[in-house]
Amino acid sequence: MKLRILFILMVVLILPNSYVNACEDPAPRAPDACNEYSSKRLIAIKSGNWALLEKCSVEFIENGCGKSYGDAELSKAYADVSKVLRHQNHYKEALDASIRGTTIFYNEPDSHLEKALALISLNMLKKAQIELDITELLSKLALKRYDLDKLTGHLSNDQTAERKQDYKKILNQVKDTRKIYFRGSRRGAIRDSTLAKH
């Protein structure tokens, strides 16, 4: 167990520097090489299979799939690593992974949501409220952007519907998190810190 946690930490804290060097390689990996990881990640998220999510997210990062899929997907992979670490009660490491995700692609709400949840677990509730606000704002902006992309024909109806559903789920998570920890309001009273171990 400790070895696995150490490996995850290595990927989160050390690999990003080697990933930056790998990005200088002029030949990107073919997207097909990463499709398996991406589809397994989605299955793991939907089923709550933390071991599979950990494996797929780490492989996605290690294999440089972000280079083919883009910074937004790489940011989501770090959010997934953060989610796994948080569920393993490694809150500081989860926070580090989520910060890495927000650094790679700031406009991706998944990493901000995971950052907020890690901050709550660390009883850093004021900072968590700010991250929830950022998550909400970015999700709402993304929903508007997909409406615009649909109108201009840049995305198919299926792509737009799927992506919009993801952002609506994030907005529901923000709402639920506020209800549990902040009495439902954006700037409401913070509940007792013993509740913060979400």
C-alpha atoms as a PDB file:
ATOM      1  CA  MET A   1       0.000   0.000   0.000  1.00  0.00           C
ATOM      2  CA  LYS A   2       2.755   2.448   0.972  1.00  0.00           C
ATOM      3  CA  LEU A   3       4.673   1.576  -2.180  1.00  0.00           C
ATOM      4  CA  ARG A   4       1.655   2.407  -4.324  1.00  0.00           C
ATOM      5  CA  ILE A   5       1.175   5.748  -2.562  1.00  0.00           C
ATOM      6  CA  LEU A   6       4.858   6.521  -3.049  1.00  0.00           C
ATOM      7  CA  PHE A   7       4.511   5.700  -6.749  1.00  0.00           C
ATOM      8  CA  ILE A   8       1.509   7.998  -7.122  1.00  0.00           C
ATOM      9  CA  LEU A   9       3.382  10.782  -5.371  1.00  0.00           C
ATOM     10  CA  MET A  10       6.325  10.266  -7.699  1.00  0.00           C
ATOM     11  CA  VAL A  11       4.051  10.612 -10.703  1.00  0.00           C
ATOM     12  CA  VAL A  12       2.358  13.692  -9.314  1.00  0.00           C
ATOM     13  CA  LEU A  13       5.456  15.489  -8.073  1.00  0.00           C
ATOM     14  CA  ILE A  14       8.351  14.247 -10.209  1.00  0.00           C
ATOM     15  CA  LEU A  15       6.894  13.119 -13.510  1.00  0.00           C
ATOM     16  CA  PRO A  16       5.492  16.520 -14.478  1.00  0.00           C
ATOM     17  CA  ASN A  17       9.039  17.846 -14.972  1.00  0.00           C
ATOM     18  CA  SER A  18       9.948  14.907 -17.176  1.00  0.00           C
ATOM     19  CA  TYR A  19       6.621  15.347 -18.954  1.00  0.00           C
ATOM     20  CA  VAL A  20       7.594  18.920 -19.811  1.00  0.00           C
ATOM     21  CA  ASN A  21      10.830  17.586 -21.342  1.00  0.00           C
ATOM     22  CA  ALA A  22       8.892  14.913 -23.207  1.00  0.00           C
ATOM     23  CA  CYS A  23       6.719  17.636 -24.729  1.00  0.00           C
ATOM     24  CA  GLU A  24       9.782  18.848 -26.600  1.00  0.00           C
ATOM     25  CA  ASP A  25       9.750  15.595 -28.577  1.00  0.00           C
ATOM     26  CA  PRO A  26       8.487  16.537 -32.060  1.00  0.00           C
ATOM     27  CA  ALA A  27       6.654  13.231 -32.639  1.00  0.00           C
ATOM     28  CA  PRO A  28       3.406  13.097 -30.598  1.00  0.00           C
ATOM     29  CA  ARG A  29       1.940   9.753 -29.632  1.00  0.00           C
ATOM     30  CA  ALA A  30      -0.896   8.614 -31.802  1.00  0.00           C
ATOM     31  CA  PRO A  31      -4.264   9.194 -30.114  1.00  0.00           C
ATOM     32  CA  ASP A  32      -5.052   5.469 -30.566  1.00  0.00           C
ATOM     33  CA  ALA A  33      -2.289   4.598 -28.108  1.00  0.00           C
ATOM     34  CA  CYS A  34      -4.141   6.537 -25.410  1.00  0.00           C
ATOM     35  CA  ASN A  35      -7.752   5.649 -26.232  1.00  0.00           C
ATOM     36  CA  GLU A  36      -7.654   2.569 -24.026  1.00  0.00           C
ATOM     37  CA  TYR A  37      -6.566   4.611 -21.017  1.00  0.00           C
ATOM     38  CA  SER A  38      -9.138   7.296 -21.654  1.00  0.00           C
ATOM     39  CA  SER A  39     -12.057   4.866 -21.994  1.00  0.00           C
ATOM     40  CA  LYS A  40     -10.969   2.881 -18.905  1.00  0.00           C
ATOM     41  CA  ARG A  41     -10.770   6.126 -16.936  1.00  0.00           C
ATOM     42  CA  LEU A  42     -14.381   6.893 -17.819  1.00  0.00           C
ATOM     43  CA  ILE A  43     -15.502   3.408 -16.777  1.00  0.00           C
ATOM     44  CA  ALA A  44     -13.574   3.693 -13.497  1.00  0.00           C
ATOM     45  CA  ILE A  45     -15.113   7.080 -12.705  1.00  0.00           C
ATOM     46  CA  LYS A  46     -18.645   5.898 -13.404  1.00  0.00           C
ATOM     47  CA  SER A  47     -18.207   2.681 -11.371  1.00  0.00           C
ATOM     48  CA  GLY A  48     -16.223   4.234  -8.508  1.00  0.00           C
ATOM     49  CA  ASN A  49     -13.407   1.733  -9.061  1.00  0.00           C
ATOM     50  CA  TRP A  50     -10.563   3.658  -7.391  1.00  0.00           C
ATOM     51  CA  ALA A  51      -7.853   1.099  -8.214  1.00  0.00           C
ATOM     52  CA  LEU A  52      -8.708   1.201 -11.915  1.00  0.00           C
ATOM     53  CA  LEU A  53      -8.993   4.985 -11.858  1.00  0.00           C
ATOM     54  CA  GLU A  54      -5.573   5.242 -10.240  1.00  0.00           C
ATOM     55  CA  LYS A  55      -3.987   2.862 -12.746  1.00  0.00           C
ATOM     56  CA  CYS A  56      -5.530   4.491 -15.805  1.00  0.00           C
ATOM     57  CA  SER A  57      -4.861   8.065 -14.714  1.00  0.00           C
ATOM     58  CA  VAL A  58      -1.240   7.377 -13.858  1.00  0.00           C
ATOM     59  CA  GLU A  59      -0.748   5.571 -17.180  1.00  0.00           C
ATOM     60  CA  PHE A  60      -2.418   8.445 -19.017  1.00  0.00           C
ATOM     61  CA  ILE A  61       0.042  10.876 -17.433  1.00  0.00           C
ATOM     62  CA  GLU A  62       3.116   8.624 -17.729  1.00  0.00           C
ATOM     63  CA  ASN A  63       2.530   7.797 -21.378  1.00  0.00           C
ATOM     64  CA  GLY A  64       2.269  11.439 -22.382  1.00  0.00           C
ATOM     65  CA  CYS A  65      -1.322  11.087 -23.523  1.00  0.00           C
ATOM     66  CA  GLY A  66      -1.940  14.714 -22.631  1.00  0.00           C
ATOM     67  CA  LYS A  67       0.229  15.608 -25.591  1.00  0.00           C
ATOM     68  CA  SER A  68      -2.280  13.944 -27.931  1.00  0.00           C
ATOM     69  CA  TYR A  69      -5.439  14.760 -26.005  1.00  0.00           C
ATOM     70  CA  GLY A  70      -4.533  18.261 -24.851  1.00  0.00           C
ATOM     71  CA  ASP A  71      -3.977  20.076 -21.598  1.00  0.00           C
ATOM     72  CA  ALA A  72      -7.636  19.911 -20.546  1.00  0.00           C
ATOM     73  CA  GLU A  73      -7.580  16.098 -20.557  1.00  0.00           C
ATOM     74  CA  LEU A  74      -4.212  16.033 -18.790  1.00  0.00           C
ATOM     75  CA  SER A  75      -5.668  18.341 -16.141  1.00  0.00           C
ATOM     76  CA  LYS A  76      -8.598  15.920 -15.735  1.00  0.00           C
ATOM     77  CA  ALA A  77      -6.132  13.037 -15.279  1.00  0.00           C
ATOM     78  CA  TYR A  78      -4.497  14.920 -12.409  1.00  0.00           C
ATOM     79  CA  ALA A  79      -7.964  15.595 -10.973  1.00  0.00           C
ATOM     80  CA  ASP A  80      -8.572  11.838 -11.100  1.00  0.00           C
ATOM     81  CA  VAL A  81      -5.291  11.160  -9.284  1.00  0.00           C
ATOM     82  CA  SER A  82      -6.347  13.747  -6.700  1.00  0.00           C
ATOM     83  CA  LYS A  83      -9.715  12.018  -6.290  1.00  0.00           C
ATOM     84  CA  VAL A  84      -8.038   8.642  -5.686  1.00  0.00           C
ATOM     85  CA  LEU A  85      -5.589  10.101  -3.153  1.00  0.00           C
ATOM     86  CA  ARG A  86      -8.417  11.887  -1.354  1.00  0.00           C
ATOM     87  CA  HIS A  87     -10.402   8.666  -1.083  1.00  0.00           C
ATOM     88  CA  GLN A  88      -7.280   7.025   0.341  1.00  0.00           C
ATOM     89  CA  ASN A  89      -7.158   9.796   2.989  1.00  0.00           C
ATOM     90  CA  HIS A  90      -3.962  11.315   1.552  1.00  0.00           C
ATOM     91  CA  TYR A  91      -5.337  14.841   1.545  1.00  0.00           C
ATOM     92  CA  LYS A  92      -2.092  16.826   1.180  1.00  0.00           C
ATOM     93  CA  GLU A  93      -1.034  14.694  -1.784  1.00  0.00           C
ATOM     94  CA  ALA A  94      -4.526  15.049  -3.256  1.00  0.00           C
ATOM     95  CA  LEU A  95      -4.196  18.807  -2.945  1.00  0.00           C
ATOM     96  CA  ASP A  96      -0.795  18.695  -4.688  1.00  0.00           C
ATOM     97  CA  ALA A  97      -2.231  16.665  -7.589  1.00  0.00           C
ATOM     98  CA  SER A  98      -5.187  19.027  -7.990  1.00  0.00           C
ATOM     99  CA  ILE A  99      -2.886  22.052  -7.945  1.00  0.00           C
ATOM    100  CA  ARG A 100      -0.825  20.409 -10.691  1.00  0.00           C
ATOM    101  CA  GLY A 101      -4.039  19.978 -12.700  1.00  0.00           C
ATOM    102  CA  THR A 102      -5.049  23.618 -12.295  1.00  0.00           C
ATOM    103  CA  THR A 103      -1.528  24.682 -13.273  1.00  0.00           C
ATOM    104  CA  ILE A 104      -1.606  22.639 -16.480  1.00  0.00           C
ATOM    105  CA  PHE A 105      -5.013  23.943 -17.594  1.00  0.00           C
ATOM    106  CA  TYR A 106      -6.631  26.515 -15.333  1.00  0.00           C
ATOM    107  CA  ASN A 107      -9.997  26.552 -17.118  1.00  0.00           C
ATOM    108  CA  GLU A 108     -10.785  22.878 -16.398  1.00  0.00           C
ATOM    109  CA  PRO A 109     -13.286  22.749 -13.499  1.00  0.00           C
ATOM    110  CA  ASP A 110     -12.521  19.128 -12.488  1.00  0.00           C
ATOM    111  CA  SER A 111      -9.169  20.019 -10.925  1.00  0.00           C
ATOM    112  CA  HIS A 112     -10.672  23.018  -9.115  1.00  0.00           C
ATOM    113  CA  LEU A 113     -13.434  20.845  -7.675  1.00  0.00           C
ATOM    114  CA  GLU A 114     -10.903  18.276  -6.468  1.00  0.00           C
ATOM    115  CA  LYS A 115      -8.795  21.086  -5.038  1.00  0.00           C
ATOM    116  CA  ALA A 116     -11.826  22.364  -3.111  1.00  0.00           C
ATOM    117  CA  LEU A 117     -12.596  18.888  -1.757  1.00  0.00           C
ATOM    118  CA  ALA A 118      -8.965  18.357  -0.702  1.00  0.00           C
ATOM    119  CA  LEU A 119      -8.975  21.756   1.010  1.00  0.00           C
ATOM    120  CA  ILE A 120     -12.161  20.815   2.865  1.00  0.00           C
ATOM    121  CA  SER A 121     -10.515  17.581   4.001  1.00  0.00           C
ATOM    122  CA  LEU A 122      -7.572  19.639   5.292  1.00  0.00           C
ATOM    123  CA  ASN A 123      -9.968  22.038   7.100  1.00  0.00           C
ATOM    124  CA  MET A 124      -8.935  24.932   4.866  1.00  0.00           C
ATOM    125  CA  LEU A 125     -12.542  25.919   4.423  1.00  0.00           C
ATOM    126  CA  LYS A 126     -12.189  29.556   3.367  1.00  0.00           C
ATOM    127  CA  LYS A 127      -9.858  28.557   0.507  1.00  0.00           C
ATOM    128  CA  ALA A 128     -12.245  25.721  -0.360  1.00  0.00           C
ATOM    129  CA  GLN A 129     -15.101  28.209  -0.744  1.00  0.00           C
ATOM    130  CA  ILE A 130     -13.036  30.206  -3.222  1.00  0.00           C
ATOM    131  CA  GLU A 131     -12.241  27.061  -5.223  1.00  0.00           C
ATOM    132  CA  LEU A 132     -15.931  26.139  -5.279  1.00  0.00           C
ATOM    133  CA  ASP A 133     -16.699  29.611  -6.645  1.00  0.00           C
ATOM    134  CA  ILE A 134     -14.036  29.165  -9.339  1.00  0.00           C
ATOM    135  CA  THR A 135     -15.385  25.693 -10.171  1.00  0.00           C
ATOM    136  CA  GLU A 136     -18.902  27.058 -10.515  1.00  0.00           C
ATOM    137  CA  LEU A 137     -17.806  29.962 -12.692  1.00  0.00           C
ATOM    138  CA  LEU A 138     -15.674  27.799 -15.009  1.00  0.00           C
ATOM    139  CA  SER A 139     -18.457  25.219 -15.356  1.00  0.00           C
ATOM    140  CA  LYS A 140     -21.021  27.865 -16.245  1.00  0.00           C
ATOM    141  CA  LEU A 141     -18.646  29.420 -18.769  1.00  0.00           C
ATOM    142  CA  ALA A 142     -18.010  25.997 -20.305  1.00  0.00           C
ATOM    143  CA  LEU A 143     -21.748  25.395 -20.651  1.00  0.00           C
ATOM    144  CA  LYS A 144     -22.115  28.722 -22.471  1.00  0.00           C
ATOM    145  CA  ARG A 145     -19.122  27.908 -24.687  1.00  0.00           C
ATOM    146  CA  TYR A 146     -20.657  24.585 -25.724  1.00  0.00           C
ATOM    147  CA  ASP A 147     -23.935  26.302 -26.535  1.00  0.00           C
ATOM    148  CA  LEU A 148     -22.000  28.675 -28.772  1.00  0.00           C
ATOM    149  CA  ASP A 149     -20.028  25.810 -30.362  1.00  0.00           C
ATOM    150  CA  LYS A 150     -23.298  24.020 -31.098  1.00  0.00           C
ATOM    151  CA  LEU A 151     -24.778  27.116 -32.721  1.00  0.00           C
ATOM    152  CA  THR A 152     -21.690  27.635 -34.877  1.00  0.00           C
ATOM    153  CA  GLY A 153     -21.504  23.948 -35.807  1.00  0.00           C
ATOM    154  CA  HIS A 154     -18.106  23.299 -34.215  1.00  0.00           C
ATOM    155  CA  LEU A 155     -19.469  20.357 -32.208  1.00  0.00           C
ATOM    156  CA  SER A 156     -22.059  17.740 -32.989  1.00  0.00           C
ATOM    157  CA  ASN A 157     -25.214  17.520 -30.886  1.00  0.00           C
ATOM    158  CA  ASP A 158     -23.901  14.318 -29.250  1.00  0.00           C
ATOM    159  CA  GLN A 159     -20.563  15.896 -28.296  1.00  0.00           C
ATOM    160  CA  THR A 160     -22.279  18.974 -26.934  1.00  0.00           C
ATOM    161  CA  ALA A 161     -24.812  16.970 -24.921  1.00  0.00           C
ATOM    162  CA  GLU A 162     -22.147  14.707 -23.393  1.00  0.00           C
ATOM    163  CA  ARG A 163     -19.858  17.560 -22.412  1.00  0.00           C
ATOM    164  CA  LYS A 164     -22.693  19.677 -21.067  1.00  0.00           C
ATOM    165  CA  GLN A 165     -23.812  16.754 -18.908  1.00  0.00           C
ATOM    166  CA  ASP A 166     -20.325  16.572 -17.361  1.00  0.00           C
ATOM    167  CA  TYR A 167     -20.396  20.262 -16.426  1.00  0.00           C
ATOM    168  CA  LYS A 168     -23.910  19.978 -15.023  1.00  0.00           C
ATOM    169  CA  LYS A 169     -22.696  17.126 -12.795  1.00  0.00           C
ATOM    170  CA  ILE A 170     -19.866  19.318 -11.555  1.00  0.00           C
ATOM    171  CA  LEU A 171     -22.313  22.138 -10.787  1.00  0.00           C
ATOM    172  CA  ASN A 172     -24.466  19.667  -8.824  1.00  0.00           C
ATOM    173  CA  GLN A 173     -21.391  18.536  -6.881  1.00  0.00           C
ATOM    174  CA  VAL A 174     -20.597  22.163  -6.048  1.00  0.00           C
ATOM    175  CA  LYS A 175     -24.157  22.683  -4.841  1.00  0.00           C
ATOM    176  CA  ASP A 176     -24.107  19.482  -2.754  1.00  0.00           C
ATOM    177  CA  THR A 177     -20.719  20.330  -1.259  1.00  0.00           C
ATOM    178  CA  ARG A 178     -21.930  23.784  -0.263  1.00  0.00           C
ATOM    179  CA  LYS A 179     -25.043  22.274   1.285  1.00  0.00           C
ATOM    180  CA  ILE A 180     -22.990  19.830   3.371  1.00  0.00           C
ATOM    181  CA  TYR A 181     -20.130  22.072   4.462  1.00  0.00           C
ATOM    182  CA  PHE A 182     -21.290  25.650   4.064  1.00  0.00           C
ATOM    183  CA  ARG A 183     -25.023  25.443   4.797  1.00  0.00           C
ATOM    184  CA  GLY A 184     -25.919  25.761   1.155  1.00  0.00           C
ATOM    185  CA  SER A 185     -24.805  29.311   0.490  1.00  0.00           C
ATOM    186  CA  ARG A 186     -21.869  30.615  -1.487  1.00  0.00           C
ATOM    187  CA  ARG A 187     -20.632  32.640   1.481  1.00  0.00           C
ATOM    188  CA  GLY A 188     -22.714  31.150   4.287  1.00  0.00           C
ATOM    189  CA  ALA A 189     -21.589  30.016   7.669  1.00  0.00           C
ATOM    190  CA  ILE A 190     -19.053  27.237   7.707  1.00  0.00           C
ATOM    191  CA  ARG A 191     -20.173  24.113   9.500  1.00  0.00           C
ATOM    192  CA  ASP A 192     -18.220  22.463  12.271  1.00  0.00           C
ATOM    193  CA  SER A 193     -14.783  21.387  11.045  1.00  0.00           C
ATOM    194  CA  THR A 194     -15.373  17.802  12.172  1.00  0.00           C
ATOM    195  CA  LEU A 195     -17.683  17.494   9.159  1.00  0.00           C
ATOM    196  CA  ALA A 196     -14.867  18.407   6.801  1.00  0.00           C
ATOM    197  CA  LYS A 197     -13.625  14.846   6.345  1.00  0.00           C
ATOM    198  CA  HIS A 198     -15.805  14.334   3.232  1.00  0.00           C
END
